[in-house]
Amino acid sequence: MFVTIDTNDPRAIYQQVADGIKELIARRKLAEGTPLPPVRQLAADLGVNLNTIATAYRELQKDGLIAIKHGSGSVVAARAATERNQEELLRPLRTALTEMVLAGLSPSKILSLVTRELSMVGKEGK
């Protein structure tokens, strides 16, 4: 599994890990039923505290993206388990768009950036 930590990123490390795993799931590099590395192993691989990884896994479980089975590890959840309502999904997009507008980006530049990112997320197994 390829997740990286950026010490210059303002997001908490657990959030970077969770977002990295979300991206791998979205790109289908982690398919339904794929086991995730044990918390201790991923913590050692990334050089972070195991509680950081445990927090990331709990966040992913709360979002319905992984299933944690104590004693047998964590696996990527079935797609049906990840369905959330449209309004809930739009909230972070709306926040990101607001930040882009406040940063002075034009609507055409924002659309270009969103289109580019969507094409990157949509690439399967690349």
Protein backbone atom coordinates (compact mmCIF):
# COMPACT_ATOMS: atom_id res chain seq x y z
CA MET A 1 0.00 0.00 0.00
CA PHE A 2 1.38 3.38 -0.98
CA VAL A 3 0.48 6.13 1.52
CA THR A 4 2.82 9.01 2.28
CA ILE A 5 3.07 11.57 5.04
CA ASP A 6 3.94 15.21 4.29
CA THR A 7 5.29 17.06 7.32
CA ASN A 8 4.47 20.38 5.61
CA ASP A 9 0.81 19.42 5.15
CA PRO A 10 -1.44 21.28 7.62
CA ARG A 11 -3.69 18.22 7.97
CA ALA A 12 -3.17 15.94 10.95
CA ILE A 13 -1.16 12.81 10.16
CA TYR A 14 -4.13 10.51 10.81
CA GLN A 15 -6.13 12.57 8.28
CA GLN A 16 -3.36 12.29 5.70
CA VAL A 17 -3.36 8.51 6.16
CA ALA A 18 -7.16 8.29 5.95
CA ASP A 19 -7.23 10.52 2.86
CA GLY A 20 -4.48 8.47 1.24
CA ILE A 21 -6.42 5.25 1.78
CA LYS A 22 -9.61 6.91 0.51
CA GLU A 23 -7.79 7.87 -2.68
CA LEU A 24 -6.49 4.31 -3.14
CA ILE A 25 -10.05 3.00 -2.74
CA ALA A 26 -11.43 5.61 -5.18
CA ARG A 27 -8.78 4.67 -7.76
CA ARG A 28 -9.63 1.02 -7.19
CA LYS A 29 -6.07 0.20 -6.17
CA LEU A 30 -7.70 -1.21 -3.03
CA ALA A 31 -10.66 -3.32 -4.09
CA GLU A 32 -13.59 -4.49 -1.99
CA GLY A 33 -12.44 -7.14 0.48
CA THR A 34 -8.75 -6.19 0.24
CA PRO A 35 -7.12 -6.52 3.65
CA LEU A 36 -5.39 -3.42 4.99
CA PRO A 37 -2.03 -3.70 6.72
CA PRO A 38 -2.23 -4.23 10.47
CA VAL A 39 -2.11 -1.01 12.48
CA ARG A 40 1.31 -1.82 13.93
CA GLN A 41 2.80 -2.63 10.54
CA LEU A 42 1.54 0.54 8.83
CA ALA A 43 2.63 2.66 11.80
CA ALA A 44 6.13 1.16 11.59
CA ASP A 45 6.25 1.57 7.79
CA LEU A 46 5.29 5.25 8.05
CA GLY A 47 7.28 5.94 11.22
CA VAL A 48 4.27 7.17 13.19
CA ASN A 49 2.56 6.23 16.44
CA LEU A 50 0.22 3.26 16.15
CA ASN A 51 -2.59 5.33 17.71
CA THR A 52 -2.35 7.63 14.68
CA ILE A 53 -3.07 4.74 12.33
CA ALA A 54 -5.80 3.39 14.63
CA THR A 55 -7.48 6.80 14.50
CA ALA A 56 -7.27 6.86 10.69
CA TYR A 57 -8.79 3.37 10.50
CA ARG A 58 -11.62 4.39 12.88
CA GLU A 59 -12.38 7.42 10.68
CA LEU A 60 -12.49 5.20 7.59
CA GLN A 61 -14.77 2.76 9.42
CA LYS A 62 -17.06 5.63 10.48
CA ASP A 63 -17.26 6.68 6.80
CA GLY A 64 -18.21 3.11 5.85
CA LEU A 65 -15.09 2.62 3.72
CA ILE A 66 -13.50 -0.17 5.74
CA ALA A 67 -14.69 -2.88 8.08
CA ILE A 68 -12.65 -3.51 11.21
CA LYS A 69 -12.86 -7.02 12.60
CA HIS A 70 -10.99 -7.23 15.88
CA GLY A 71 -8.61 -10.15 15.80
CA SER A 72 -8.74 -10.60 12.03
CA GLY A 73 -7.84 -7.11 10.75
CA SER A 74 -9.42 -4.50 8.53
CA VAL A 75 -10.71 -4.85 4.98
CA VAL A 76 -12.07 -2.50 2.34
CA ALA A 77 -15.86 -2.43 2.68
CA ALA A 78 -18.34 -3.28 -0.04
CA ARG A 79 -19.34 -0.35 -2.24
CA ALA A 80 -22.96 -0.55 -1.07
CA ALA A 81 -21.79 0.14 2.48
CA THR A 82 -20.27 3.48 1.39
CA GLU A 83 -23.45 5.08 0.07
CA ARG A 84 -24.09 8.45 1.63
CA ASN A 85 -26.64 11.06 0.73
CA GLN A 86 -25.79 13.66 -1.88
CA GLU A 87 -25.95 16.62 0.48
CA GLU A 88 -23.45 15.00 2.85
CA LEU A 89 -21.09 14.35 -0.07
CA LEU A 90 -21.40 17.90 -1.40
CA ARG A 91 -20.40 19.59 1.87
CA PRO A 92 -16.60 19.20 1.51
CA LEU A 93 -16.79 20.07 -2.21
CA ARG A 94 -18.68 23.26 -1.39
CA THR A 95 -16.05 24.14 1.23
CA ALA A 96 -13.21 23.55 -1.24
CA LEU A 97 -14.95 25.61 -3.94
CA THR A 98 -15.52 28.46 -1.48
CA GLU A 99 -11.82 28.45 -0.56
CA MET A 100 -10.87 28.59 -4.24
CA VAL A 101 -13.18 31.53 -4.88
CA LEU A 102 -11.82 33.34 -1.81
CA ALA A 103 -8.28 32.70 -3.09
CA GLY A 104 -9.22 34.65 -6.22
CA LEU A 105 -9.42 31.80 -8.73
CA SER A 106 -11.75 32.35 -11.67
CA PRO A 107 -14.66 29.99 -12.29
CA SER A 108 -12.94 28.67 -15.43
CA LYS A 109 -9.71 27.98 -13.50
CA ILE A 110 -11.67 26.23 -10.73
CA LEU A 111 -13.51 24.10 -13.29
CA SER A 112 -10.21 23.21 -14.94
CA LEU A 113 -8.68 22.17 -11.60
CA VAL A 114 -11.74 20.14 -10.60
CA THR A 115 -11.82 18.40 -13.98
CA ARG A 116 -8.12 17.53 -13.75
CA GLU A 117 -8.47 16.16 -10.22
CA LEU A 118 -11.56 14.16 -11.14
CA SER A 119 -9.70 12.56 -14.02
CA MET A 120 -6.85 11.64 -11.64
CA VAL A 121 -9.18 10.10 -9.06
CA GLY A 122 -11.11 8.23 -11.73
CA LYS A 123 -8.03 6.47 -13.13
CA GLU A 124 -8.35 2.81 -12.25
CA GLY A 125 -5.23 1.03 -11.07
CA LYS A 126 -2.84 3.58 -12.58
